[in-house]
């Protein structure tokens, strides 16, 4: 590609980008679904996750066995 053609093309791209930015900045932006409900959905999902894990951890009877002290007893030695 010739240097003057490349220079003209890059100037054209810069101008078109500037026009798009200028057009977008003059438009009134209406709130979309995420602007309206995004935080509520995030909070609801977090609440659901926390409550589900809380129920799972406390109610289904898992024995976590965090410390074996007092639970493990040695087996008797067998005479051979």
PDB file of N, CA and C in Angstrom:
ATOM      1  N   UNK A   1       0.858  -1.169   0.000  1.00  0.00           N
ATOM      2  CA  UNK A   1       0.000   0.000   0.000  1.00  0.00           C
ATOM      3  C   UNK A   1       0.900   1.226   0.000  1.00  0.00           C
ATOM      4  N   UNK A   2       0.521   2.224  -0.740  1.00  0.00           N
ATOM      5  CA  UNK A   2       1.305   3.443  -0.827  1.00  0.00           C
ATOM      6  C   UNK A   2       1.187   4.245   0.459  1.00  0.00           C
ATOM      7  N   UNK A   3       2.238   4.992   0.806  1.00  0.00           N
ATOM      8  CA  UNK A   3       2.214   5.747   2.074  1.00  0.00           C
ATOM      9  C   UNK A   3       1.083   6.767   2.145  1.00  0.00           C
ATOM     10  N   UNK A   4       0.809   7.478   1.044  1.00  0.00           N
ATOM     11  CA  UNK A   4      -0.258   8.488   1.100  1.00  0.00           C
ATOM     12  C   UNK A   4      -1.635   7.835   1.246  1.00  0.00           C
ATOM     13  N   UNK A   5      -1.809   6.643   0.683  1.00  0.00           N
ATOM     14  CA  UNK A   5      -3.090   5.945   0.816  1.00  0.00           C
ATOM     15  C   UNK A   5      -3.291   5.468   2.254  1.00  0.00           C
ATOM     16  N   UNK A   6      -2.206   4.977   2.839  1.00  0.00           N
ATOM     17  CA  UNK A   6      -2.290   4.520   4.224  1.00  0.00           C
ATOM     18  C   UNK A   6      -2.607   5.690   5.152  1.00  0.00           C
ATOM     19  N   UNK A   7      -1.994   6.832   4.893  1.00  0.00           N
ATOM     20  CA  UNK A   7      -2.227   8.018   5.715  1.00  0.00           C
ATOM     21  C   UNK A   7      -3.675   8.490   5.578  1.00  0.00           C
ATOM     22  N   UNK A   8      -4.198   8.489   4.366  1.00  0.00           N
ATOM     23  CA  UNK A   8      -5.586   8.902   4.151  1.00  0.00           C
ATOM     24  C   UNK A   8      -6.553   7.939   4.824  1.00  0.00           C
ATOM     25  N   UNK A   9      -6.256   6.637   4.745  1.00  0.00           N
ATOM     26  CA  UNK A   9      -7.117   5.630   5.368  1.00  0.00           C
ATOM     27  C   UNK A   9      -7.124   5.782   6.882  1.00  0.00           C
ATOM     28  N   UNK A  10      -5.952   6.023   7.477  1.00  0.00           N
ATOM     29  CA  UNK A  10      -5.910   6.166   8.938  1.00  0.00           C
ATOM     30  C   UNK A  10      -6.637   7.440   9.376  1.00  0.00           C
ATOM     31  N   UNK A  11      -6.535   8.526   8.578  1.00  0.00           N
ATOM     32  CA  UNK A  11      -7.258   9.746   8.907  1.00  0.00           C
ATOM     33  C   UNK A  11      -8.769   9.525   8.829  1.00  0.00           C
ATOM     34  N   UNK A  12      -9.193   8.743   7.831  1.00  0.00           N
ATOM     35  CA  UNK A  12     -10.607   8.438   7.668  1.00  0.00           C
ATOM     36  C   UNK A  12     -11.126   7.629   8.861  1.00  0.00           C
ATOM     37  N   UNK A  13     -10.342   6.650   9.325  1.00  0.00           N
ATOM     38  CA  UNK A  13     -10.757   5.834  10.467  1.00  0.00           C
ATOM     39  C   UNK A  13     -10.845   6.672  11.740  1.00  0.00           C
ATOM     40  N   UNK A  14      -9.871   7.562  11.933  1.00  0.00           N
ATOM     41  CA  UNK A  14      -9.877   8.405  13.126  1.00  0.00           C
ATOM     42  C   UNK A  14     -11.095   9.316  13.106  1.00  0.00           C
ATOM     43  N   UNK A  15     -11.391   9.891  11.941  1.00  0.00           N
ATOM     44  CA  UNK A  15     -12.540  10.770  11.822  1.00  0.00           C
ATOM     45  C   UNK A  15     -13.839  10.020  12.095  1.00  0.00           C
ATOM     46  N   UNK A  16     -13.953   8.813  11.551  1.00  0.00           N
ATOM     47  CA  UNK A  16     -15.200   8.073  11.755  1.00  0.00           C
ATOM     48  C   UNK A  16     -15.360   7.661  13.214  1.00  0.00           C
ATOM     49  N   UNK A  17     -14.288   7.305  13.875  1.00  0.00           N
ATOM     50  CA  UNK A  17     -14.362   6.960  15.302  1.00  0.00           C
ATOM     51  C   UNK A  17     -14.787   8.179  16.111  1.00  0.00           C
ATOM     52  N   UNK A  18     -14.223   9.341  15.782  1.00  0.00           N
ATOM     53  CA  UNK A  18     -14.588  10.563  16.499  1.00  0.00           C
ATOM     54  C   UNK A  18     -16.050  10.906  16.276  1.00  0.00           C
ATOM     55  N   UNK A  19     -16.559  10.673  15.059  1.00  0.00           N
ATOM     56  CA  UNK A  19     -17.964  10.950  14.784  1.00  0.00           C
ATOM     57  C   UNK A  19     -18.878  10.024  15.575  1.00  0.00           C
ATOM     58  N   UNK A  20     -18.497   8.758  15.673  1.00  0.00           N
ATOM     59  CA  UNK A  20     -19.311   7.807  16.438  1.00  0.00           C
ATOM     60  C   UNK A  20     -19.341   8.204  17.901  1.00  0.00           C
ATOM     61  N   UNK A  21     -18.201   8.575  18.447  1.00  0.00           N
ATOM     62  CA  UNK A  21     -18.139   8.982  19.854  1.00  0.00           C
ATOM     63  C   UNK A  21     -18.971  10.233  20.075  1.00  0.00           C
ATOM     64  N   UNK A  22     -18.883  11.190  19.158  1.00  0.00           N
ATOM     65  CA  UNK A  22     -19.658  12.419  19.302  1.00  0.00           C
ATOM     66  C   UNK A  22     -21.154  12.120  19.218  1.00  0.00           C
ATOM     67  N   UNK A  23     -21.565  11.232  18.311  1.00  0.00           N
ATOM     68  CA  UNK A  23     -22.972  10.875  18.184  1.00  0.00           C
ATOM     69  C   UNK A  23     -23.485  10.209  19.457  1.00  0.00           C
ATOM     70  N   UNK A  24     -22.675   9.313  20.012  1.00  0.00           N
ATOM     71  CA  UNK A  24     -23.111   8.591  21.203  1.00  0.00           C
ATOM     72  C   UNK A  24     -23.193   9.508  22.417  1.00  0.00           C
ATOM     73  N   UNK A  25     -22.329  10.479  22.494  1.00  0.00           N
ATOM     74  CA  UNK A  25     -22.331  11.353  23.673  1.00  0.00           C
ATOM     75  C   UNK A  25     -23.529  12.307  23.662  1.00  0.00           C
ATOM     76  N   UNK A  26     -24.128  12.567  22.481  1.00  0.00           N
ATOM     77  CA  UNK A  26     -25.275  13.470  22.408  1.00  0.00           C
ATOM     78  C   UNK A  26     -26.610  12.755  22.593  1.00  0.00           C
ATOM     79  N   UNK A  27     -26.595  11.446  22.534  1.00  0.00           N
ATOM     80  CA  UNK A  27     -27.836  10.706  22.695  1.00  0.00           C
ATOM     81  C   UNK A  27     -28.164  10.533  24.176  1.00  0.00           C
ATOM     82  N   UNK A  28     -29.462  10.577  24.480  1.00  0.00           N
ATOM     83  CA  UNK A  28     -29.866  10.275  25.847  1.00  0.00           C
ATOM     84  C   UNK A  28     -29.826   8.768  26.017  1.00  0.00           C
ATOM     85  N   UNK A  29     -29.189   8.331  27.057  1.00  0.00           N
ATOM     86  CA  UNK A  29     -29.041   6.891  27.288  1.00  0.00           C
ATOM     87  C   UNK A  29     -30.152   6.433  28.205  1.00  0.00           C
ATOM     88  N   UNK A  30     -30.982   5.516  27.722  1.00  0.00           N
ATOM     89  CA  UNK A  30     -32.038   4.974  28.570  1.00  0.00           C
ATOM     90  C   UNK A  30     -31.490   3.776  29.332  1.00  0.00           C
ATOM     91  N   UNK A  31     -31.904   3.618  30.588  1.00  0.00           N
ATOM     92  CA  UNK A  31     -31.400   2.471  31.350  1.00  0.00           C
ATOM     93  C   UNK A  31     -31.891   1.154  30.750  1.00  0.00           C
ATOM     94  N   UNK A  32     -30.990   0.200  30.655  1.00  0.00           N
ATOM     95  CA  UNK A  32     -31.369  -1.110  30.119  1.00  0.00           C
ATOM     96  C   UNK A  32     -31.688  -2.066  31.273  1.00  0.00           C
ATOM     97  N   UNK A  33     -31.901  -3.320  30.956  1.00  0.00           N
ATOM     98  CA  UNK A  33     -32.294  -4.320  31.953  1.00  0.00           C
ATOM     99  C   UNK A  33     -31.263  -4.412  33.071  1.00  0.00           C
ATOM    100  N   UNK A  34     -29.974  -4.415  32.710  1.00  0.00           N
ATOM    101  CA  UNK A  34     -28.928  -4.571  33.725  1.00  0.00           C
ATOM    102  C   UNK A  34     -28.858  -3.348  34.635  1.00  0.00           C
ATOM    103  N   UNK A  35     -29.101  -2.175  34.075  1.00  0.00           N
ATOM    104  CA  UNK A  35     -29.111  -0.979  34.913  1.00  0.00           C
ATOM    105  C   UNK A  35     -30.269  -1.010  35.903  1.00  0.00           C
ATOM    106  N   UNK A  36     -31.425  -1.505  35.456  1.00  0.00           N
ATOM    107  CA  UNK A  36     -32.600  -1.526  36.322  1.00  0.00           C
ATOM    108  C   UNK A  36     -32.534  -2.626  37.378  1.00  0.00           C
ATOM    109  N   UNK A  37     -32.178  -3.844  36.959  1.00  0.00           N
ATOM    110  CA  UNK A  37     -32.333  -5.013  37.827  1.00  0.00           C
ATOM    111  C   UNK A  37     -31.037  -5.713  38.195  1.00  0.00           C
ATOM    112  N   UNK A  38     -29.900  -5.232  37.723  1.00  0.00           N
ATOM    113  CA  UNK A  38     -28.633  -5.928  37.925  1.00  0.00           C
ATOM    114  C   UNK A  38     -28.277  -6.150  39.381  1.00  0.00           C
ATOM    115  N   UNK A  39     -28.356  -5.103  40.194  1.00  0.00           N
ATOM    116  CA  UNK A  39     -27.981  -5.236  41.605  1.00  0.00           C
ATOM    117  C   UNK A  39     -28.962  -6.118  42.366  1.00  0.00           C
ATOM    118  N   UNK A  40     -30.239  -6.027  42.030  1.00  0.00           N
ATOM    119  CA  UNK A  40     -31.233  -6.856  42.713  1.00  0.00           C
ATOM    120  C   UNK A  40     -31.024  -8.335  42.390  1.00  0.00           C
ATOM    121  N   UNK A  41     -30.719  -8.635  41.146  1.00  0.00           N
ATOM    122  CA  UNK A  41     -30.477 -10.028  40.763  1.00  0.00           C
ATOM    123  C   UNK A  41     -29.206 -10.544  41.425  1.00  0.00           C
ATOM    124  N   UNK A  42     -28.170  -9.717  41.475  1.00  0.00           N
ATOM    125  CA  UNK A  42     -26.926 -10.112  42.142  1.00  0.00           C
ATOM    126  C   UNK A  42     -27.161 -10.375  43.628  1.00  0.00           C
ATOM    127  N   UNK A  43     -27.889  -9.503  44.291  1.00  0.00           N
ATOM    128  CA  UNK A  43     -28.172  -9.684  45.720  1.00  0.00           C
ATOM    129  C   UNK A  43     -29.043 -10.921  45.946  1.00  0.00           C
ATOM    130  N   UNK A  44     -30.044 -11.121  45.075  1.00  0.00           N
ATOM    131  CA  UNK A  44     -30.898 -12.303  45.218  1.00  0.00           C
ATOM    132  C   UNK A  44     -30.128 -13.593  45.011  1.00  0.00           C
ATOM    133  N   UNK A  45     -29.235 -13.621  44.046  1.00  0.00           N
ATOM    134  CA  UNK A  45     -28.419 -14.812  43.816  1.00  0.00           C
ATOM    135  C   UNK A  45     -27.482 -15.088  44.975  1.00  0.00           C
ATOM    136  N   UNK A  46     -26.882 -14.038  45.512  1.00  0.00           N
ATOM    137  CA  UNK A  46     -25.994 -14.207  46.666  1.00  0.00           C
ATOM    138  C   UNK A  46     -26.767 -14.719  47.875  1.00  0.00           C
ATOM    139  N   UNK A  47     -27.950 -14.174  48.107  1.00  0.00           N
ATOM    140  CA  UNK A  47     -28.785 -14.617  49.230  1.00  0.00           C
ATOM    141  C   UNK A  47     -29.184 -16.081  49.058  1.00  0.00           C
ATOM    142  N   UNK A  48     -29.581 -16.468  47.855  1.00  0.00           N
ATOM    143  CA  UNK A  48     -29.953 -17.847  47.588  1.00  0.00           C
ATOM    144  C   UNK A  48     -28.765 -18.783  47.830  1.00  0.00           C
ATOM    145  N   UNK A  49     -27.599 -18.418  47.328  1.00  0.00           N
ATOM    146  CA  UNK A  49     -26.408 -19.256  47.495  1.00  0.00           C
ATOM    147  C   UNK A  49     -26.042 -19.406  48.969  1.00  0.00           C
ATOM    148  N   UNK A  50     -26.030 -18.305  49.697  1.00  0.00           N
ATOM    149  CA  UNK A  50     -25.662 -18.347  51.118  1.00  0.00           C
ATOM    150  C   UNK A  50     -26.677 -19.161  51.910  1.00  0.00           C
ATOM    151  N   UNK A  51     -27.967 -18.976  51.641  1.00  0.00           N
ATOM    152  CA  UNK A  51     -28.975 -19.718  52.403  1.00  0.00           C
ATOM    153  C   UNK A  51     -28.940 -21.209  52.067  1.00  0.00           C
ATOM    154  N   UNK A  52     -28.694 -21.551  50.811  1.00  0.00           N
ATOM    155  CA  UNK A  52     -28.608 -22.965  50.440  1.00  0.00           C
ATOM    156  C   UNK A  52     -27.423 -23.638  51.119  1.00  0.00           C
ATOM    157  N   UNK A  53     -26.265 -22.986  51.102  1.00  0.00           N
ATOM    158  CA  UNK A  53     -25.087 -23.575  51.749  1.00  0.00           C
ATOM    159  C   UNK A  53     -25.271 -23.633  53.267  1.00  0.00           C
ATOM    160  N   UNK A  54     -25.923 -22.628  53.842  1.00  0.00           N
ATOM    161  CA  UNK A  54     -26.165 -22.654  55.294  1.00  0.00           C
ATOM    162  C   UNK A  54     -27.040 -23.836  55.661  1.00  0.00           C
ATOM    163  N   UNK A  55     -28.102 -24.061  54.902  1.00  0.00           N
ATOM    164  CA  UNK A  55     -28.964 -25.212  55.148  1.00  0.00           C
ATOM    165  C   UNK A  55     -28.180 -26.513  54.984  1.00  0.00           C
ATOM    166  N   UNK A  56     -27.403 -26.611  53.917  1.00  0.00           N
ATOM    167  CA  UNK A  56     -26.647 -27.839  53.652  1.00  0.00           C
ATOM    168  C   UNK A  56     -25.673 -28.138  54.781  1.00  0.00           C
ATOM    169  N   UNK A  57     -24.955 -27.145  55.215  1.00  0.00           N
ATOM    170  CA  UNK A  57     -23.923 -27.347  56.238  1.00  0.00           C
ATOM    171  C   UNK A  57     -24.537 -27.682  57.593  1.00  0.00           C
ATOM    172  N   UNK A  58     -25.683 -27.086  57.920  1.00  0.00           N
ATOM    173  CA  UNK A  58     -26.217 -27.259  59.273  1.00  0.00           C
ATOM    174  C   UNK A  58     -27.253 -28.367  59.409  1.00  0.00           C
ATOM    175  N   UNK A  59     -27.941 -28.748  58.360  1.00  0.00           N
ATOM    176  CA  UNK A  59     -29.102 -29.611  58.520  1.00  0.00           C
ATOM    177  C   UNK A  59     -28.962 -31.035  58.009  1.00  0.00           C
ATOM    178  N   UNK A  60     -28.038 -31.339  57.151  1.00  0.00           N
ATOM    179  CA  UNK A  60     -28.061 -32.683  56.569  1.00  0.00           C
ATOM    180  C   UNK A  60     -27.199 -33.683  57.329  1.00  0.00           C
ATOM    181  N   UNK A  61     -26.615 -33.287  58.428  1.00  0.00           N
ATOM    182  CA  UNK A  61     -25.948 -34.227  59.317  1.00  0.00           C
ATOM    183  C   UNK A  61     -24.561 -34.659  58.900  1.00  0.00           C
ATOM    184  N   UNK A  62     -23.809 -33.780  58.284  1.00  0.00           N
ATOM    185  CA  UNK A  62     -22.435 -34.120  57.932  1.00  0.00           C
ATOM    186  C   UNK A  62     -21.582 -34.054  59.188  1.00  0.00           C
ATOM    187  N   UNK A  63     -20.776 -35.076  59.417  1.00  0.00           N
ATOM    188  CA  UNK A  63     -19.802 -35.013  60.500  1.00  0.00           C
ATOM    189  C   UNK A  63     -18.490 -34.561  59.900  1.00  0.00           C
ATOM    190  N   UNK A  64     -18.030 -33.410  60.342  1.00  0.00           N
ATOM    191  CA  UNK A  64     -16.871 -32.811  59.695  1.00  0.00           C
ATOM    192  C   UNK A  64     -15.562 -33.412  60.168  1.00  0.00           C
ATOM    193  N   UNK A  65     -15.523 -34.016  61.371  1.00  0.00           N
ATOM    194  CA  UNK A  65     -14.305 -34.631  61.897  1.00  0.00           C
ATOM    195  C   UNK A  65     -13.101 -33.701  61.813  1.00  0.00           C
ATOM    196  N   UNK A  66     -13.247 -32.547  62.395  1.00  0.00           N
ATOM    197  CA  UNK A  66     -12.176 -31.571  62.315  1.00  0.00           C
ATOM    198  C   UNK A  66     -10.964 -31.980  63.146  1.00  0.00           C
ATOM    199  N   UNK A  67     -11.179 -32.648  64.273  1.00  0.00           N
ATOM    200  CA  UNK A  67     -10.059 -33.073  65.105  1.00  0.00           C
ATOM    201  C   UNK A  67     -10.263 -34.531  65.506  1.00  0.00           C
ATOM    202  N   UNK A  68      -9.262 -35.348  65.330  1.00  0.00           N
ATOM    203  CA  UNK A  68      -9.410 -36.756  65.715  1.00  0.00           C
ATOM    204  C   UNK A  68      -9.175 -37.004  67.204  1.00  0.00           C
ATOM    205  N   UNK A  69      -8.838 -35.981  67.981  1.00  0.00           N
ATOM    206  CA  UNK A  69      -8.525 -36.157  69.388  1.00  0.00           C
ATOM    207  C   UNK A  69      -9.769 -36.645  70.118  1.00  0.00           C
ATOM    208  N   UNK A  70      -9.635 -37.753  70.817  1.00  0.00           N
ATOM    209  CA  UNK A  70     -10.737 -38.320  71.571  1.00  0.00           C
ATOM    210  C   UNK A  70     -11.638 -39.212  70.740  1.00  0.00           C
ATOM    211  N   UNK A  71     -11.451 -39.281  69.454  1.00  0.00           N
ATOM    212  CA  UNK A  71     -12.296 -40.108  68.613  1.00  0.00           C
ATOM    213  C   UNK A  71     -11.571 -41.357  68.124  1.00  0.00           C
ATOM    214  N   UNK A  72     -10.280 -41.263  68.034  1.00  0.00           N
ATOM    215  CA  UNK A  72      -9.510 -42.401  67.522  1.00  0.00           C
ATOM    216  C   UNK A  72      -8.969 -43.183  68.706  1.00  0.00           C
ATOM    217  N   UNK A  73      -9.281 -44.448  68.748  1.00  0.00           N
ATOM    218  CA  UNK A  73      -8.740 -45.301  69.811  1.00  0.00           C
ATOM    219  C   UNK A  73      -7.832 -46.339  69.168  1.00  0.00           C
ATOM    220  N   UNK A  74      -6.697 -46.613  69.789  1.00  0.00           N
ATOM    221  CA  UNK A  74      -5.784 -47.581  69.192  1.00  0.00           C
ATOM    222  C   UNK A  74      -6.343 -48.995  69.294  1.00  0.00           C
ATOM    223  N   UNK A  75      -6.033 -49.803  68.290  1.00  0.00           N
ATOM    224  CA  UNK A  75      -6.473 -51.206  68.306  1.00  0.00           C
ATOM    225  C   UNK A  75      -5.561 -51.994  69.239  1.00  0.00           C
ATOM    226  N   UNK A  76      -6.125 -53.025  69.797  1.00  0.00           N
ATOM    227  CA  UNK A  76      -5.333 -53.893  70.664  1.00  0.00           C
ATOM    228  C   UNK A  76      -4.314 -54.659  69.821  1.00  0.00           C
ATOM    229  N   UNK A  77      -3.112 -54.853  70.416  1.00  0.00           N
ATOM    230  CA  UNK A  77      -2.100 -55.638  69.721  1.00  0.00           C
ATOM    231  C   UNK A  77      -2.482 -57.113  69.784  1.00  0.00           C
ATOM    232  N   UNK A  78      -2.311 -57.786  68.695  1.00  0.00           N
ATOM    233  CA  UNK A  78      -2.593 -59.214  68.687  1.00  0.00           C
ATOM    234  C   UNK A  78      -1.291 -59.991  68.905  1.00  0.00           C
ATOM    235  N   UNK A  79      -1.388 -61.009  69.706  1.00  0.00           N
ATOM    236  CA  UNK A  79      -0.203 -61.862  69.905  1.00  0.00           C
ATOM    237  C   UNK A  79      -0.060 -62.796  68.729  1.00  0.00           C
ATOM    238  N   UNK A  80       1.158 -62.921  68.257  1.00  0.00           N
ATOM    239  CA  UNK A  80       1.371 -63.833  67.128  1.00  0.00           C
ATOM    240  C   UNK A  80       2.054 -65.084  67.543  1.00  0.00           C
TER     241      UNK A  80
END
